[in-house]
Protein backbone atom coordinates (compact mmCIF):
# COMPACT_ATOMS: atom_id res chain seq x y z
CA MET A 1 -55.47 26.88 -12.93
CA LYS A 2 -56.35 25.20 -16.25
CA GLN A 3 -54.02 22.32 -15.38
CA ILE A 4 -55.75 21.77 -12.04
CA VAL A 5 -59.17 21.77 -13.70
CA ALA A 6 -57.95 19.38 -16.41
CA PHE A 7 -56.43 17.07 -13.79
CA TYR A 8 -59.66 17.12 -11.82
CA ASP A 9 -61.72 16.43 -14.97
CA ARG A 10 -59.51 13.43 -15.83
CA GLY A 11 -59.94 12.06 -12.31
CA VAL A 12 -63.70 12.46 -12.50
CA ALA A 13 -63.75 10.71 -15.89
CA ILE A 14 -61.80 7.76 -14.48
CA VAL A 15 -63.96 7.24 -11.39
CA SER A 16 -67.16 7.77 -13.39
CA GLY A 17 -66.52 4.79 -15.64
CA ARG A 18 -68.46 1.53 -15.48
CA PHE A 19 -65.49 -0.47 -14.19
CA VAL A 20 -64.88 1.73 -11.15
CA GLU A 21 -68.63 2.03 -10.49
CA SER A 22 -68.91 -1.77 -10.62
CA VAL A 23 -66.08 -2.16 -8.11
CA ALA A 24 -67.89 0.27 -5.80
CA LEU A 25 -71.18 -1.60 -6.26
CA LEU A 26 -69.44 -4.90 -5.48
CA LEU A 27 -68.03 -3.42 -2.27
CA LEU A 28 -71.46 -2.03 -1.43
CA ARG A 29 -73.12 -5.43 -1.98
CA VAL A 30 -70.57 -7.14 0.27
CA ALA A 31 -70.88 -4.47 2.96
CA LEU A 32 -74.68 -4.51 3.13
CA GLY A 33 -74.90 -8.26 2.73
CA GLY A 34 -72.29 -8.74 5.46
CA VAL A 35 -74.30 -6.72 7.97
CA PHE A 36 -77.39 -8.89 7.55
CA TRP A 37 -75.47 -12.17 7.19
CA ARG A 38 -73.69 -11.59 10.50
CA SER A 39 -77.01 -10.76 12.14
CA GLY A 40 -78.48 -13.98 10.75
CA GLN A 41 -75.55 -15.97 12.11
CA THR A 42 -76.43 -14.84 15.65
CA LYS A 43 -79.79 -16.58 15.29
CA VAL A 44 -78.54 -20.07 14.39
CA VAL A 45 -76.76 -22.80 16.29
CA GLU A 46 -73.02 -22.41 15.73
CA GLY A 47 -71.69 -24.92 13.21
CA SER A 48 -75.15 -25.83 11.89
CA PHE A 49 -76.79 -25.10 8.57
CA LEU A 50 -79.54 -22.71 9.60
CA ALA A 51 -80.70 -24.62 12.69
CA ILE A 52 -82.38 -21.86 14.68
CA ASP A 53 -81.04 -21.35 18.19
CA PRO A 54 -83.94 -21.76 20.67
CA ASN A 55 -82.73 -18.65 22.53
CA THR A 56 -83.63 -16.61 19.47
CA TYR A 57 -87.33 -17.20 20.14
CA ASP A 58 -86.91 -15.81 23.66
CA LEU A 59 -85.03 -12.81 22.28
CA PHE A 60 -87.87 -12.03 19.87
CA ARG A 61 -90.54 -12.49 22.56
CA ASN A 62 -88.75 -10.27 25.09
CA GLU A 63 -86.48 -7.76 23.33
CA PHE A 64 -88.28 -7.48 19.98
CA SER A 65 -91.83 -7.65 21.35
CA GLY A 66 -92.87 -4.66 19.24
CA LEU A 67 -92.91 -6.74 16.06
CA PRO A 68 -96.42 -7.26 14.66
CA LEU A 69 -95.72 -11.00 14.15
CA ASP A 70 -95.54 -13.76 16.71
CA ALA A 71 -92.02 -15.02 17.41
CA SER A 72 -92.90 -18.44 16.00
CA ILE A 73 -93.35 -16.78 12.60
CA ALA A 74 -90.91 -13.86 12.86
CA VAL A 75 -87.86 -15.91 13.90
CA PRO A 76 -87.78 -18.33 10.95
CA LEU A 77 -88.69 -15.57 8.48
CA THR A 78 -85.97 -13.30 9.79
CA THR A 79 -83.36 -16.03 10.05
CA TRP A 80 -83.89 -17.27 6.51
CA ALA A 81 -84.15 -13.76 5.07
CA GLU A 82 -80.91 -12.71 6.79
CA HIS A 83 -79.14 -15.59 5.06
CA ILE A 84 -80.81 -15.84 1.66
CA PHE A 85 -80.94 -12.16 0.64
CA PRO A 86 -77.36 -11.32 1.70
CA ALA A 87 -76.07 -14.40 -0.15
CA LEU A 88 -77.95 -13.37 -3.29
CA LEU A 89 -76.74 -9.80 -2.86
CA ILE A 90 -73.09 -10.76 -2.50
CA ILE A 91 -73.09 -12.91 -5.64
CA GLY A 92 -75.14 -10.29 -7.45
CA LEU A 93 -78.14 -12.45 -8.28
CA ALA A 94 -81.51 -10.70 -8.07
CA THR A 95 -79.58 -7.72 -6.70
CA ARG A 96 -82.39 -5.19 -6.88
CA PHE A 97 -84.93 -7.59 -5.37
CA SER A 98 -82.54 -8.63 -2.59
CA ALA A 99 -81.65 -5.03 -1.78
CA CYS A 100 -85.36 -4.19 -1.69
CA ALA A 101 -86.00 -7.09 0.72
CA LEU A 102 -83.18 -5.86 3.00
CA LEU A 103 -84.58 -2.33 2.78
CA VAL A 104 -87.97 -3.61 3.95
CA MET A 105 -86.26 -5.48 6.79
CA THR A 106 -84.40 -2.29 7.73
CA LEU A 107 -87.63 -0.32 7.84
CA VAL A 108 -89.34 -3.00 9.96
CA ILE A 109 -86.40 -2.96 12.38
CA GLN A 110 -86.49 0.85 12.45
CA ILE A 111 -90.23 1.11 13.06
CA PHE A 112 -90.88 -1.82 15.39
CA VAL A 113 -87.60 -2.79 17.08
CA PHE A 114 -85.06 0.04 17.32
CA PRO A 115 -86.81 3.36 16.57
CA ASP A 116 -83.87 5.38 17.92
CA ALA A 117 -81.34 3.86 15.51
CA TRP A 118 -82.17 5.88 12.38
CA TRP A 119 -79.14 8.18 12.25
CA PRO A 120 -76.47 5.92 13.66
CA VAL A 121 -77.31 2.85 11.59
CA HIS A 122 -80.52 2.51 9.62
CA SER A 123 -80.05 5.61 7.49
CA LEU A 124 -76.82 4.06 6.17
CA TRP A 125 -78.44 0.70 5.45
CA THR A 126 -81.32 2.48 3.70
CA ALA A 127 -78.93 4.51 1.54
CA MET A 128 -76.90 1.41 0.66
CA ALA A 129 -80.01 -0.56 -0.32
CA ALA A 130 -81.40 2.39 -2.30
CA ILE A 131 -78.22 2.71 -4.36
CA LEU A 132 -78.30 -1.01 -5.19
CA ILE A 133 -81.99 -0.84 -6.12
CA VAL A 134 -81.34 2.10 -8.45
CA ARG A 135 -77.97 1.02 -9.95
CA GLY A 136 -78.14 -2.78 -9.75
CA GLY A 137 -75.20 -5.06 -9.08
CA GLY A 138 -72.78 -3.69 -11.66
CA LEU A 139 -70.52 -5.57 -14.05
CA PHE A 140 -69.25 -7.99 -11.39
CA SER A 141 -72.60 -9.63 -10.66
CA LEU A 142 -74.45 -12.68 -11.84
CA ASP A 143 -77.23 -10.35 -12.96
CA ALA A 144 -74.85 -8.74 -15.47
CA LEU A 145 -73.65 -12.17 -16.61
CA LEU A 146 -77.23 -13.30 -17.21
CA VAL A 147 -77.98 -10.15 -19.20
CA ARG A 148 -74.86 -10.77 -21.36
CA MET A 149 -75.88 -14.40 -21.89
CA ARG A 150 -79.35 -13.33 -23.04
CA GLY A 151 -77.68 -11.06 -25.59
CA LYS A 152 -79.12 -7.77 -24.37
C-alpha cells in the first residue's frame, strides 16, 4: 500500500509543477479562444479581413433580438471582440483581461440570447475563463515573457 501511495504522490508532484500547469493553461487558452474565434469567423465575409457579412445584421435583428443593443452597434462590437480577445488569449497577451472580456460576452449570450444553454455550453466557457482569470496565461504566454523582461 505504501508503494501505491508513494507512486500516487510522485504523479501528483509531477502534474502539479509549473511546466505541466503551463501546458494545461496553453491548451485552455487555445480551446476558449478557438470557440470565440470560430464564432467571429461566421460573422465576416469569407476570405476578407474582418469585413462584416451583411447577413450578420439580419441574424442579430431576428435571432438575437433580445440583446439590449441595436444590431448596428452589437454586430461590429461582437465581431471585433470575437477576433481580438481570442487572438490575445491564444498568444497569452493580456490573458486575464481577454478572459474577462470573453466571460462578459458569455454572460451576455447566456442572459440575452441563449438562456437555455447554461449547462451544455456556457458553464464550460465560464469555468475556462475563470481559470484563466485566476491563474493567468502560464509560462508559455507573452504575459510571462513581459514579466521576465521587466525583471520581476
